[in-house]
């Protein structure tokens, strides 16, 4: 019985990992950290979407490379709302939804 419980728990964690969804937002060359933070702050209000934290002491080049929004719990309408928000910012040039089934994801 103990082995079965461990196996089920392992499967649940595996399924949880596979169900992860996100959107990667990329920025044009020359975008500043302040511009990325502006997009992050403006679009963080979308329901059921969470934006990845910017770590303290994170290099500016890593910050300006892009933002990742976790959309695992988001509806299609939530993702569309996020896309509308991001599209208001000329520095944001890419909106790429992904999930754990993607190559490299």
N, C-alpha and C. Protein backbone atom coordinates (compact mmCIF):
# COMPACT_ATOMS: atom_id res chain seq x y z
N UNK A 1 0.82 -1.19 0.00
CA UNK A 1 0.00 0.00 0.00
C UNK A 1 0.87 1.25 0.00
N UNK A 2 1.97 1.28 0.75
CA UNK A 2 2.85 2.43 0.80
C UNK A 2 3.46 2.76 -0.55
N UNK A 3 3.88 1.72 -1.27
CA UNK A 3 4.47 1.93 -2.59
C UNK A 3 3.44 2.51 -3.56
N UNK A 4 2.22 2.03 -3.48
CA UNK A 4 1.16 2.55 -4.36
C UNK A 4 0.91 4.03 -4.08
N UNK A 5 0.90 4.41 -2.80
CA UNK A 5 0.68 5.81 -2.45
C UNK A 5 1.82 6.69 -2.97
N UNK A 6 3.05 6.20 -2.85
CA UNK A 6 4.19 6.95 -3.37
C UNK A 6 4.13 7.07 -4.89
N UNK A 7 3.72 6.00 -5.54
CA UNK A 7 3.61 6.02 -7.00
C UNK A 7 2.56 7.03 -7.43
N UNK A 8 1.40 7.03 -6.77
CA UNK A 8 0.34 7.98 -7.10
C UNK A 8 0.79 9.41 -6.85
N UNK A 9 1.50 9.62 -5.75
CA UNK A 9 1.99 10.97 -5.45
C UNK A 9 2.98 11.42 -6.52
N UNK A 10 3.83 10.52 -6.96
CA UNK A 10 4.78 10.84 -8.02
C UNK A 10 4.09 11.17 -9.32
N UNK A 11 3.05 10.41 -9.65
CA UNK A 11 2.28 10.67 -10.87
C UNK A 11 1.59 12.02 -10.80
N UNK A 12 1.07 12.36 -9.63
CA UNK A 12 0.38 13.64 -9.48
C UNK A 12 1.35 14.80 -9.71
N UNK A 13 2.56 14.70 -9.16
CA UNK A 13 3.57 15.75 -9.36
C UNK A 13 3.97 15.83 -10.83
N UNK A 14 4.10 14.67 -11.47
CA UNK A 14 4.47 14.64 -12.88
C UNK A 14 3.37 15.29 -13.72
N UNK A 15 2.12 14.94 -13.45
CA UNK A 15 1.00 15.54 -14.19
C UNK A 15 0.91 17.04 -13.94
N UNK A 16 1.18 17.46 -12.71
CA UNK A 16 1.16 18.88 -12.38
C UNK A 16 2.22 19.62 -13.19
N UNK A 17 3.39 19.04 -13.30
CA UNK A 17 4.47 19.66 -14.07
C UNK A 17 4.09 19.74 -15.55
N UNK A 18 3.46 18.71 -16.07
CA UNK A 18 3.07 18.71 -17.48
C UNK A 18 1.96 19.69 -17.79
N UNK A 19 1.17 20.05 -16.78
CA UNK A 19 0.05 20.95 -17.03
C UNK A 19 0.44 22.43 -16.93
N UNK A 20 1.70 22.71 -16.69
CA UNK A 20 2.16 24.10 -16.57
C UNK A 20 2.06 24.79 -17.93
N UNK A 21 1.52 26.03 -17.91
CA UNK A 21 1.43 26.85 -19.13
C UNK A 21 1.96 28.24 -18.82
N UNK A 22 2.49 28.90 -19.83
CA UNK A 22 3.05 30.22 -19.63
C UNK A 22 3.01 31.00 -20.94
N UNK A 23 3.32 32.28 -20.84
CA UNK A 23 3.53 33.14 -21.99
C UNK A 23 4.86 33.84 -21.79
N UNK A 24 5.72 33.75 -22.79
CA UNK A 24 6.98 34.48 -22.79
C UNK A 24 6.80 35.75 -23.62
N UNK A 25 7.14 36.88 -23.04
CA UNK A 25 7.08 38.16 -23.73
C UNK A 25 8.51 38.60 -24.00
N UNK A 26 8.81 38.88 -25.25
CA UNK A 26 10.16 39.33 -25.60
C UNK A 26 10.12 40.81 -25.97
N UNK A 27 11.29 41.42 -25.90
CA UNK A 27 11.41 42.86 -26.10
C UNK A 27 12.41 43.17 -27.19
N UNK A 28 12.21 44.31 -27.84
CA UNK A 28 13.13 44.73 -28.90
C UNK A 28 14.48 45.09 -28.28
N UNK A 29 15.50 45.02 -29.09
CA UNK A 29 16.85 45.38 -28.66
C UNK A 29 16.83 46.83 -28.18
N UNK A 30 17.55 47.10 -27.12
CA UNK A 30 17.63 48.45 -26.58
C UNK A 30 16.58 48.78 -25.54
N UNK A 31 15.69 47.82 -25.25
CA UNK A 31 14.67 48.04 -24.22
C UNK A 31 15.36 48.17 -22.87
N UNK A 32 14.91 49.12 -22.07
CA UNK A 32 15.51 49.34 -20.76
C UNK A 32 14.83 48.48 -19.70
N UNK A 33 15.51 48.32 -18.58
CA UNK A 33 14.92 47.61 -17.44
C UNK A 33 13.66 48.33 -16.99
N UNK A 34 13.67 49.64 -16.99
CA UNK A 34 12.50 50.42 -16.57
C UNK A 34 11.30 50.12 -17.47
N UNK A 35 11.52 49.97 -18.78
CA UNK A 35 10.43 49.65 -19.69
C UNK A 35 9.87 48.26 -19.43
N UNK A 36 10.74 47.30 -19.17
CA UNK A 36 10.29 45.93 -18.86
C UNK A 36 9.47 45.95 -17.57
N UNK A 37 9.96 46.67 -16.58
CA UNK A 37 9.23 46.74 -15.31
C UNK A 37 7.89 47.44 -15.48
N UNK A 38 7.81 48.38 -16.40
CA UNK A 38 6.55 49.07 -16.67
C UNK A 38 5.52 48.08 -17.26
N UNK A 39 5.95 47.27 -18.20
CA UNK A 39 5.06 46.25 -18.78
C UNK A 39 4.64 45.27 -17.70
N UNK A 40 5.61 44.84 -16.90
CA UNK A 40 5.35 43.88 -15.83
C UNK A 40 4.30 44.42 -14.87
N UNK A 41 4.46 45.66 -14.44
CA UNK A 41 3.53 46.26 -13.47
C UNK A 41 2.15 46.46 -14.09
N UNK A 42 2.12 46.91 -15.33
CA UNK A 42 0.84 47.21 -15.98
C UNK A 42 0.02 45.95 -16.26
N UNK A 43 0.70 44.85 -16.54
CA UNK A 43 -0.02 43.64 -16.95
C UNK A 43 -0.15 42.59 -15.84
N UNK A 44 0.36 42.90 -14.67
CA UNK A 44 0.30 41.95 -13.55
C UNK A 44 -1.10 41.82 -12.96
N UNK A 45 -2.01 42.69 -13.36
CA UNK A 45 -3.36 42.68 -12.80
C UNK A 45 -4.30 41.67 -13.47
N UNK A 46 -3.88 41.05 -14.56
CA UNK A 46 -4.75 40.13 -15.29
C UNK A 46 -5.11 38.95 -14.40
N UNK A 47 -6.40 38.65 -14.26
CA UNK A 47 -6.82 37.55 -13.39
C UNK A 47 -6.21 36.20 -13.80
N UNK A 48 -5.85 35.41 -12.81
CA UNK A 48 -5.35 34.04 -12.99
C UNK A 48 -4.02 33.96 -13.71
N UNK A 49 -3.32 35.08 -13.77
CA UNK A 49 -2.00 35.14 -14.40
C UNK A 49 -1.02 35.70 -13.38
N UNK A 50 0.13 35.07 -13.24
CA UNK A 50 1.16 35.61 -12.35
C UNK A 50 2.44 35.80 -13.15
N UNK A 51 3.11 36.89 -12.87
CA UNK A 51 4.35 37.19 -13.58
C UNK A 51 5.53 36.69 -12.75
N UNK A 52 6.51 36.16 -13.44
CA UNK A 52 7.70 35.66 -12.78
C UNK A 52 8.42 36.80 -12.09
N UNK A 53 8.90 36.54 -10.90
CA UNK A 53 9.59 37.57 -10.13
C UNK A 53 10.92 37.94 -10.77
N UNK A 54 11.28 39.19 -10.61
CA UNK A 54 12.62 39.64 -10.99
C UNK A 54 13.48 39.53 -9.73
N UNK A 55 14.51 38.72 -9.80
CA UNK A 55 15.37 38.50 -8.64
C UNK A 55 16.20 39.73 -8.34
N UNK A 56 16.42 39.96 -7.07
CA UNK A 56 17.31 41.04 -6.67
C UNK A 56 18.70 40.70 -7.21
N UNK A 57 19.39 41.66 -7.72
CA UNK A 57 20.73 41.50 -8.31
C UNK A 57 20.70 40.73 -9.63
N UNK A 58 19.53 40.59 -10.25
CA UNK A 58 19.45 39.94 -11.55
C UNK A 58 20.08 40.87 -12.60
N UNK A 59 20.97 40.36 -13.43
CA UNK A 59 21.61 41.21 -14.43
C UNK A 59 20.59 41.86 -15.37
N UNK A 60 20.84 43.10 -15.73
CA UNK A 60 19.93 43.84 -16.60
C UNK A 60 19.69 43.11 -17.92
N UNK A 61 20.71 42.47 -18.44
CA UNK A 61 20.54 41.76 -19.72
C UNK A 61 19.53 40.62 -19.59
N UNK A 62 19.47 39.98 -18.43
CA UNK A 62 18.49 38.92 -18.20
C UNK A 62 17.08 39.49 -18.07
N UNK A 63 16.97 40.64 -17.45
CA UNK A 63 15.65 41.28 -17.27
C UNK A 63 15.10 41.71 -18.62
N UNK A 64 15.93 42.34 -19.44
CA UNK A 64 15.45 42.86 -20.72
C UNK A 64 15.29 41.77 -21.78
N UNK A 65 15.76 40.58 -21.50
CA UNK A 65 15.60 39.47 -22.45
C UNK A 65 14.14 39.06 -22.56
N UNK A 66 13.37 39.22 -21.49
CA UNK A 66 11.96 38.86 -21.57
C UNK A 66 11.34 38.61 -20.22
N UNK A 67 10.02 38.55 -20.25
CA UNK A 67 9.23 38.25 -19.07
C UNK A 67 8.48 36.94 -19.29
N UNK A 68 8.26 36.20 -18.23
CA UNK A 68 7.43 35.00 -18.31
C UNK A 68 6.23 35.18 -17.38
N UNK A 69 5.06 34.97 -17.94
CA UNK A 69 3.82 35.01 -17.20
C UNK A 69 3.29 33.58 -17.06
N UNK A 70 3.01 33.14 -15.83
CA UNK A 70 2.44 31.82 -15.60
C UNK A 70 0.94 31.90 -15.90
N UNK A 71 0.49 31.11 -16.85
CA UNK A 71 -0.92 31.10 -17.25
C UNK A 71 -1.58 29.75 -17.00
N UNK A 72 -1.00 28.96 -16.11
CA UNK A 72 -1.52 27.62 -15.83
C UNK A 72 -2.99 27.67 -15.43
N UNK A 73 -3.38 28.64 -14.63
CA UNK A 73 -4.76 28.73 -14.15
C UNK A 73 -5.61 29.71 -14.94
N UNK A 74 -5.07 30.24 -16.02
CA UNK A 74 -5.76 31.26 -16.79
C UNK A 74 -6.67 30.65 -17.86
N UNK A 75 -7.78 31.33 -18.10
CA UNK A 75 -8.66 30.95 -19.20
C UNK A 75 -8.12 31.55 -20.49
N UNK A 76 -8.70 31.14 -21.61
CA UNK A 76 -8.31 31.75 -22.88
C UNK A 76 -8.59 33.26 -22.86
N UNK A 77 -9.68 33.65 -22.20
CA UNK A 77 -10.01 35.08 -22.09
C UNK A 77 -8.96 35.83 -21.28
N UNK A 78 -8.43 35.19 -20.22
CA UNK A 78 -7.38 35.81 -19.42
C UNK A 78 -6.12 36.01 -20.26
N UNK A 79 -5.77 35.00 -21.05
CA UNK A 79 -4.57 35.09 -21.90
C UNK A 79 -4.78 36.18 -22.96
N UNK A 80 -5.97 36.28 -23.50
CA UNK A 80 -6.27 37.34 -24.47
C UNK A 80 -6.16 38.72 -23.82
N UNK A 81 -6.61 38.82 -22.58
CA UNK A 81 -6.50 40.09 -21.84
C UNK A 81 -5.03 40.44 -21.62
N UNK A 82 -4.22 39.44 -21.30
CA UNK A 82 -2.78 39.66 -21.13
C UNK A 82 -2.17 40.13 -22.45
N UNK A 83 -2.54 39.50 -23.55
CA UNK A 83 -2.00 39.88 -24.84
C UNK A 83 -2.38 41.31 -25.19
N UNK A 84 -3.61 41.70 -24.90
CA UNK A 84 -4.04 43.08 -25.16
C UNK A 84 -3.22 44.06 -24.33
N UNK A 85 -2.97 43.72 -23.08
CA UNK A 85 -2.19 44.59 -22.21
C UNK A 85 -0.77 44.75 -22.75
N UNK A 86 -0.13 43.63 -23.05
CA UNK A 86 1.26 43.66 -23.52
C UNK A 86 1.37 44.43 -24.84
N UNK A 87 0.38 44.29 -25.69
CA UNK A 87 0.44 44.93 -27.01
C UNK A 87 0.40 46.45 -26.95
N UNK A 88 0.07 47.01 -25.80
CA UNK A 88 0.05 48.47 -25.64
C UNK A 88 1.45 49.06 -25.54
N UNK A 89 2.45 48.20 -25.41
CA UNK A 89 3.82 48.66 -25.19
C UNK A 89 4.67 48.36 -26.42
N UNK A 90 5.13 49.40 -27.12
CA UNK A 90 5.93 49.19 -28.34
C UNK A 90 7.21 48.39 -28.12
N UNK A 91 7.77 48.42 -26.92
CA UNK A 91 9.01 47.67 -26.66
C UNK A 91 8.78 46.16 -26.67
N UNK A 92 7.54 45.73 -26.38
CA UNK A 92 7.22 44.30 -26.37
C UNK A 92 6.94 43.86 -27.81
N UNK A 93 7.76 42.96 -28.31
CA UNK A 93 7.64 42.56 -29.71
C UNK A 93 7.27 41.09 -29.89
N UNK A 94 7.23 40.32 -28.80
CA UNK A 94 6.90 38.91 -28.91
C UNK A 94 5.95 38.48 -27.81
N UNK A 95 5.00 37.62 -28.17
CA UNK A 95 4.03 37.06 -27.22
C UNK A 95 3.91 35.60 -27.57
N UNK A 96 4.61 34.74 -26.82
CA UNK A 96 4.75 33.35 -27.19
C UNK A 96 4.22 32.41 -26.11
N UNK A 97 2.97 31.93 -26.26
CA UNK A 97 2.43 30.96 -25.30
C UNK A 97 3.20 29.64 -25.39
N UNK A 98 3.34 28.97 -24.27
CA UNK A 98 4.01 27.68 -24.25
C UNK A 98 3.49 26.82 -23.13
N UNK A 99 3.86 25.54 -23.17
CA UNK A 99 3.52 24.63 -22.08
C UNK A 99 4.59 23.55 -21.98
N UNK A 100 4.45 22.70 -21.01
CA UNK A 100 5.49 21.71 -20.73
C UNK A 100 5.66 20.69 -21.85
N UNK A 101 4.72 20.62 -22.78
CA UNK A 101 4.87 19.68 -23.88
C UNK A 101 5.72 20.24 -25.01
N UNK A 102 6.03 21.57 -24.95
CA UNK A 102 6.87 22.18 -25.97
C UNK A 102 8.29 21.61 -25.91
N UNK A 103 8.94 21.57 -27.04
CA UNK A 103 10.34 21.15 -27.05
C UNK A 103 11.15 22.13 -26.24
N UNK A 104 11.93 21.63 -25.32
CA UNK A 104 12.76 22.48 -24.48
C UNK A 104 12.00 23.09 -23.33
N UNK A 105 10.68 22.81 -23.18
CA UNK A 105 9.90 23.45 -22.15
C UNK A 105 9.87 22.78 -20.88
